[in-house]
């Protein structure tokens, strides 16, 4: 006997009903992060804007790993764009550490913000690059040692990276 599957429409209807309250809560949280602005600039160009928008969308839909990856890419691209526009040709190929150090040296980021980006990078890397399950920085190990569900842990990580992205975004808006 052939197994019975639900239709695509039924699946989406159930998904929409079941996840709506969480999406509303996450959207309200994002709205609270959004600066009161009349215009915005994306020094990293159209792609930086797209990364920012997709990071927000992914966060609302609970796609935390995607929002972390996209928001961090937005941070890197924006810093590179700002530095390149200021005449630093090396920003075109710089890694995130170099970009952050240059932004701190110019007074565009504080030492505290550098530390927050470093923490975010430390949580992003084990999600995007293979780690043994027992590696100290793996999501699984962090969840076990912190006695926290992995999904809750990556949600917290996503909120952290989104706060950094909004902080950087607000610097390029008025």
C-alpha atoms as a PDB file:
ATOM      1  CA  UNK A   1       0.000   0.000   0.000  1.00  0.00           C
ATOM      2  CA  UNK A   2       1.297   3.430  -0.939  1.00  0.00           C
ATOM      3  CA  UNK A   3       1.924   5.733   2.080  1.00  0.00           C
ATOM      4  CA  UNK A   4      -0.347   8.745   2.311  1.00  0.00           C
ATOM      5  CA  UNK A   5       1.394  12.090   2.161  1.00  0.00           C
ATOM      6  CA  UNK A   6      -0.071  15.481   2.820  1.00  0.00           C
ATOM      7  CA  UNK A   7      -0.184  17.968  -0.003  1.00  0.00           C
ATOM      8  CA  UNK A   8       2.174  20.902  -0.251  1.00  0.00           C
ATOM      9  CA  UNK A   9      -0.727  23.210   0.607  1.00  0.00           C
ATOM     10  CA  UNK A  10      -1.613  21.179   3.711  1.00  0.00           C
ATOM     11  CA  UNK A  11       1.993  21.177   4.860  1.00  0.00           C
ATOM     12  CA  UNK A  12       2.288  24.977   4.455  1.00  0.00           C
ATOM     13  CA  UNK A  13      -1.055  25.567   6.181  1.00  0.00           C
ATOM     14  CA  UNK A  14       0.074  23.494   9.181  1.00  0.00           C
ATOM     15  CA  UNK A  15       3.474  25.216   9.198  1.00  0.00           C
ATOM     16  CA  UNK A  16       1.877  28.661   9.069  1.00  0.00           C
ATOM     17  CA  UNK A  17      -0.534  27.900  11.904  1.00  0.00           C
ATOM     18  CA  UNK A  18       2.041  26.211  14.120  1.00  0.00           C
ATOM     19  CA  UNK A  19       4.814  28.754  13.766  1.00  0.00           C
ATOM     20  CA  UNK A  20       2.878  32.003  13.620  1.00  0.00           C
ATOM     21  CA  UNK A  21       3.160  32.963  17.308  1.00  0.00           C
ATOM     22  CA  UNK A  22       6.931  32.419  17.301  1.00  0.00           C
ATOM     23  CA  UNK A  23       7.349  34.396  14.085  1.00  0.00           C
ATOM     24  CA  UNK A  24       5.357  37.288  15.556  1.00  0.00           C
ATOM     25  CA  UNK A  25       7.511  37.300  18.709  1.00  0.00           C
ATOM     26  CA  UNK A  26      10.734  37.249  16.685  1.00  0.00           C
ATOM     27  CA  UNK A  27       9.484  39.981  14.346  1.00  0.00           C
ATOM     28  CA  UNK A  28       8.586  42.200  17.315  1.00  0.00           C
ATOM     29  CA  UNK A  29      12.072  41.586  18.741  1.00  0.00           C
ATOM     30  CA  UNK A  30      13.612  42.629  15.400  1.00  0.00           C
ATOM     31  CA  UNK A  31      11.408  45.721  15.276  1.00  0.00           C
ATOM     32  CA  UNK A  32      12.791  46.713  18.679  1.00  0.00           C
ATOM     33  CA  UNK A  33      16.336  46.492  17.254  1.00  0.00           C
ATOM     34  CA  UNK A  34      15.526  48.623  14.214  1.00  0.00           C
ATOM     35  CA  UNK A  35      16.716  52.230  14.519  1.00  0.00           C
ATOM     36  CA  UNK A  36      14.304  55.107  13.936  1.00  0.00           C
ATOM     37  CA  UNK A  37      15.639  56.249  10.564  1.00  0.00           C
ATOM     38  CA  UNK A  38      14.527  58.149   7.503  1.00  0.00           C
ATOM     39  CA  UNK A  39      17.151  56.711   5.124  1.00  0.00           C
ATOM     40  CA  UNK A  40      19.826  54.053   5.014  1.00  0.00           C
ATOM     41  CA  UNK A  41      23.037  53.357   3.130  1.00  0.00           C
ATOM     42  CA  UNK A  42      24.623  49.975   2.488  1.00  0.00           C
ATOM     43  CA  UNK A  43      28.377  50.523   2.029  1.00  0.00           C
ATOM     44  CA  UNK A  44      28.727  46.905   0.924  1.00  0.00           C
ATOM     45  CA  UNK A  45      26.334  47.535  -1.966  1.00  0.00           C
ATOM     46  CA  UNK A  46      23.221  45.722  -3.094  1.00  0.00           C
ATOM     47  CA  UNK A  47      24.529  42.389  -1.833  1.00  0.00           C
ATOM     48  CA  UNK A  48      25.036  43.778   1.679  1.00  0.00           C
ATOM     49  CA  UNK A  49      21.415  44.931   1.649  1.00  0.00           C
ATOM     50  CA  UNK A  50      20.294  41.510   0.468  1.00  0.00           C
ATOM     51  CA  UNK A  51      22.328  39.764   3.178  1.00  0.00           C
ATOM     52  CA  UNK A  52      20.812  42.039   5.832  1.00  0.00           C
ATOM     53  CA  UNK A  53      17.248  41.507   4.602  1.00  0.00           C
ATOM     54  CA  UNK A  54      17.634  37.734   4.275  1.00  0.00           C
ATOM     55  CA  UNK A  55      19.236  37.489   7.724  1.00  0.00           C
ATOM     56  CA  UNK A  56      16.189  39.239   9.181  1.00  0.00           C
ATOM     57  CA  UNK A  57      13.764  37.072   7.228  1.00  0.00           C
ATOM     58  CA  UNK A  58      15.586  33.897   8.248  1.00  0.00           C
ATOM     59  CA  UNK A  59      15.529  34.974  11.889  1.00  0.00           C
ATOM     60  CA  UNK A  60      11.781  35.622  11.834  1.00  0.00           C
ATOM     61  CA  UNK A  61      11.224  32.151  10.398  1.00  0.00           C
ATOM     62  CA  UNK A  62      13.447  30.531  13.028  1.00  0.00           C
ATOM     63  CA  UNK A  63      16.207  29.626  10.599  1.00  0.00           C
ATOM     64  CA  UNK A  64      18.899  30.557  13.091  1.00  0.00           C
ATOM     65  CA  UNK A  65      21.966  29.057  11.428  1.00  0.00           C
ATOM     66  CA  UNK A  66      21.026  30.830   8.201  1.00  0.00           C
ATOM     67  CA  UNK A  67      20.462  34.121  10.023  1.00  0.00           C
ATOM     68  CA  UNK A  68      23.851  33.790  11.742  1.00  0.00           C
ATOM     69  CA  UNK A  69      25.651  33.066   8.473  1.00  0.00           C
ATOM     70  CA  UNK A  70      23.870  35.834   6.585  1.00  0.00           C
ATOM     71  CA  UNK A  71      24.155  38.472   9.314  1.00  0.00           C
ATOM     72  CA  UNK A  72      27.846  37.738   9.768  1.00  0.00           C
ATOM     73  CA  UNK A  73      28.383  37.973   6.002  1.00  0.00           C
ATOM     74  CA  UNK A  74      26.569  41.326   6.112  1.00  0.00           C
ATOM     75  CA  UNK A  75      28.909  42.504   8.889  1.00  0.00           C
ATOM     76  CA  UNK A  76      32.001  41.473   6.917  1.00  0.00           C
ATOM     77  CA  UNK A  77      30.780  42.950   3.632  1.00  0.00           C
ATOM     78  CA  UNK A  78      29.732  46.219   5.287  1.00  0.00           C
ATOM     79  CA  UNK A  79      33.043  46.693   7.084  1.00  0.00           C
ATOM     80  CA  UNK A  80      34.916  45.913   3.869  1.00  0.00           C
ATOM     81  CA  UNK A  81      32.754  48.380   1.935  1.00  0.00           C
ATOM     82  CA  UNK A  82      33.259  51.127   4.497  1.00  0.00           C
ATOM     83  CA  UNK A  83      37.017  50.607   4.589  1.00  0.00           C
ATOM     84  CA  UNK A  84      37.366  50.337   0.817  1.00  0.00           C
ATOM     85  CA  UNK A  85      35.356  53.547   0.380  1.00  0.00           C
ATOM     86  CA  UNK A  86      37.761  55.221   2.835  1.00  0.00           C
ATOM     87  CA  UNK A  87      40.692  54.270   0.608  1.00  0.00           C
ATOM     88  CA  UNK A  88      41.831  50.973   2.095  1.00  0.00           C
ATOM     89  CA  UNK A  89      42.335  48.847  -1.027  1.00  0.00           C
ATOM     90  CA  UNK A  90      43.395  45.895   1.142  1.00  0.00           C
ATOM     91  CA  UNK A  91      39.800  45.679   2.454  1.00  0.00           C
ATOM     92  CA  UNK A  92      38.827  43.944  -0.789  1.00  0.00           C
ATOM     93  CA  UNK A  93      40.585  40.753   0.333  1.00  0.00           C
ATOM     94  CA  UNK A  94      40.908  41.193   4.086  1.00  0.00           C
ATOM     95  CA  UNK A  95      39.612  38.593   6.519  1.00  0.00           C
ATOM     96  CA  UNK A  96      37.125  39.586   9.190  1.00  0.00           C
ATOM     97  CA  UNK A  97      39.812  40.011  11.861  1.00  0.00           C
ATOM     98  CA  UNK A  98      41.684  42.462   9.675  1.00  0.00           C
ATOM     99  CA  UNK A  99      38.484  44.325   8.829  1.00  0.00           C
ATOM    100  CA  UNK A 100      37.494  44.619  12.476  1.00  0.00           C
ATOM    101  CA  UNK A 101      40.994  45.708  13.535  1.00  0.00           C
ATOM    102  CA  UNK A 102      41.012  48.403  10.827  1.00  0.00           C
ATOM    103  CA  UNK A 103      37.552  49.615  11.863  1.00  0.00           C
ATOM    104  CA  UNK A 104      38.674  49.796  15.515  1.00  0.00           C
ATOM    105  CA  UNK A 105      41.851  51.674  14.510  1.00  0.00           C
ATOM    106  CA  UNK A 106      39.700  54.228  12.663  1.00  0.00           C
ATOM    107  CA  UNK A 107      37.375  54.608  15.639  1.00  0.00           C
ATOM    108  CA  UNK A 108      34.428  53.117  13.760  1.00  0.00           C
ATOM    109  CA  UNK A 109      34.119  50.234  16.226  1.00  0.00           C
ATOM    110  CA  UNK A 110      34.936  50.148  19.912  1.00  0.00           C
ATOM    111  CA  UNK A 111      37.110  47.516  21.575  1.00  0.00           C
ATOM    112  CA  UNK A 112      33.931  46.160  23.166  1.00  0.00           C
ATOM    113  CA  UNK A 113      32.311  45.797  19.739  1.00  0.00           C
ATOM    114  CA  UNK A 114      35.443  44.041  18.487  1.00  0.00           C
ATOM    115  CA  UNK A 115      35.075  41.578  21.358  1.00  0.00           C
ATOM    116  CA  UNK A 116      31.383  41.003  20.567  1.00  0.00           C
ATOM    117  CA  UNK A 117      32.223  40.297  16.915  1.00  0.00           C
ATOM    118  CA  UNK A 118      34.929  37.886  18.055  1.00  0.00           C
ATOM    119  CA  UNK A 119      32.403  36.046  20.226  1.00  0.00           C
ATOM    120  CA  UNK A 120      29.964  35.930  17.302  1.00  0.00           C
ATOM    121  CA  UNK A 121      32.689  34.566  15.038  1.00  0.00           C
ATOM    122  CA  UNK A 122      33.473  31.931  17.657  1.00  0.00           C
ATOM    123  CA  UNK A 123      29.863  30.752  17.622  1.00  0.00           C
ATOM    124  CA  UNK A 124      29.457  31.021  13.848  1.00  0.00           C
ATOM    125  CA  UNK A 125      32.533  29.038  12.831  1.00  0.00           C
ATOM    126  CA  UNK A 126      31.576  25.697  14.446  1.00  0.00           C
ATOM    127  CA  UNK A 127      28.179  25.914  12.772  1.00  0.00           C
ATOM    128  CA  UNK A 128      29.616  26.473   9.315  1.00  0.00           C
ATOM    129  CA  UNK A 129      32.820  24.439   9.574  1.00  0.00           C
ATOM    130  CA  UNK A 130      33.012  20.836  10.722  1.00  0.00           C
ATOM    131  CA  UNK A 131      33.810  20.125  14.347  1.00  0.00           C
ATOM    132  CA  UNK A 132      33.891  16.825  16.177  1.00  0.00           C
ATOM    133  CA  UNK A 133      30.847  16.476  18.398  1.00  0.00           C
ATOM    134  CA  UNK A 134      33.082  16.621  21.461  1.00  0.00           C
ATOM    135  CA  UNK A 135      34.984  19.723  20.322  1.00  0.00           C
ATOM    136  CA  UNK A 136      34.795  22.391  22.988  1.00  0.00           C
ATOM    137  CA  UNK A 137      33.190  24.944  20.649  1.00  0.00           C
ATOM    138  CA  UNK A 138      30.753  22.596  18.886  1.00  0.00           C
ATOM    139  CA  UNK A 139      27.078  23.401  19.263  1.00  0.00           C
ATOM    140  CA  UNK A 140      26.457  19.952  20.672  1.00  0.00           C
ATOM    141  CA  UNK A 141      29.130  20.277  23.354  1.00  0.00           C
ATOM    142  CA  UNK A 142      28.118  23.835  24.245  1.00  0.00           C
ATOM    143  CA  UNK A 143      24.520  22.646  24.629  1.00  0.00           C
ATOM    144  CA  UNK A 144      25.508  19.714  26.819  1.00  0.00           C
ATOM    145  CA  UNK A 145      27.854  21.655  29.073  1.00  0.00           C
ATOM    146  CA  UNK A 146      25.408  24.545  29.361  1.00  0.00           C
ATOM    147  CA  UNK A 147      22.487  22.152  29.842  1.00  0.00           C
ATOM    148  CA  UNK A 148      20.573  23.940  27.118  1.00  0.00           C
ATOM    149  CA  UNK A 149      18.708  22.630  24.087  1.00  0.00           C
ATOM    150  CA  UNK A 150      20.804  23.115  20.912  1.00  0.00           C
ATOM    151  CA  UNK A 151      17.971  24.992  19.220  1.00  0.00           C
ATOM    152  CA  UNK A 152      17.715  27.437  22.136  1.00  0.00           C
ATOM    153  CA  UNK A 153      21.476  27.902  22.042  1.00  0.00           C
ATOM    154  CA  UNK A 154      21.588  28.770  18.346  1.00  0.00           C
ATOM    155  CA  UNK A 155      18.600  31.095  18.786  1.00  0.00           C
ATOM    156  CA  UNK A 156      20.585  32.962  21.436  1.00  0.00           C
ATOM    157  CA  UNK A 157      23.614  33.028  19.131  1.00  0.00           C
ATOM    158  CA  UNK A 158      21.446  34.362  16.304  1.00  0.00           C
ATOM    159  CA  UNK A 159      20.089  37.148  18.501  1.00  0.00           C
ATOM    160  CA  UNK A 160      23.656  38.124  19.397  1.00  0.00           C
ATOM    161  CA  UNK A 161      24.774  38.328  15.771  1.00  0.00           C
ATOM    162  CA  UNK A 162      21.609  40.190  14.761  1.00  0.00           C
ATOM    163  CA  UNK A 163      22.258  42.818  17.467  1.00  0.00           C
ATOM    164  CA  UNK A 164      25.741  43.361  16.035  1.00  0.00           C
ATOM    165  CA  UNK A 165      24.338  43.616  12.494  1.00  0.00           C
ATOM    166  CA  UNK A 166      21.747  46.183  13.609  1.00  0.00           C
ATOM    167  CA  UNK A 167      24.409  48.172  15.427  1.00  0.00           C
ATOM    168  CA  UNK A 168      26.470  48.362  12.259  1.00  0.00           C
ATOM    169  CA  UNK A 169      23.354  49.074  10.179  1.00  0.00           C
ATOM    170  CA  UNK A 170      22.428  52.013  12.415  1.00  0.00           C
ATOM    171  CA  UNK A 171      25.821  53.631  11.762  1.00  0.00           C
ATOM    172  CA  UNK A 172      24.946  53.902   8.088  1.00  0.00           C
ATOM    173  CA  UNK A 173      21.493  55.378   8.555  1.00  0.00           C
ATOM    174  CA  UNK A 174      20.016  58.679   9.621  1.00  0.00           C
END
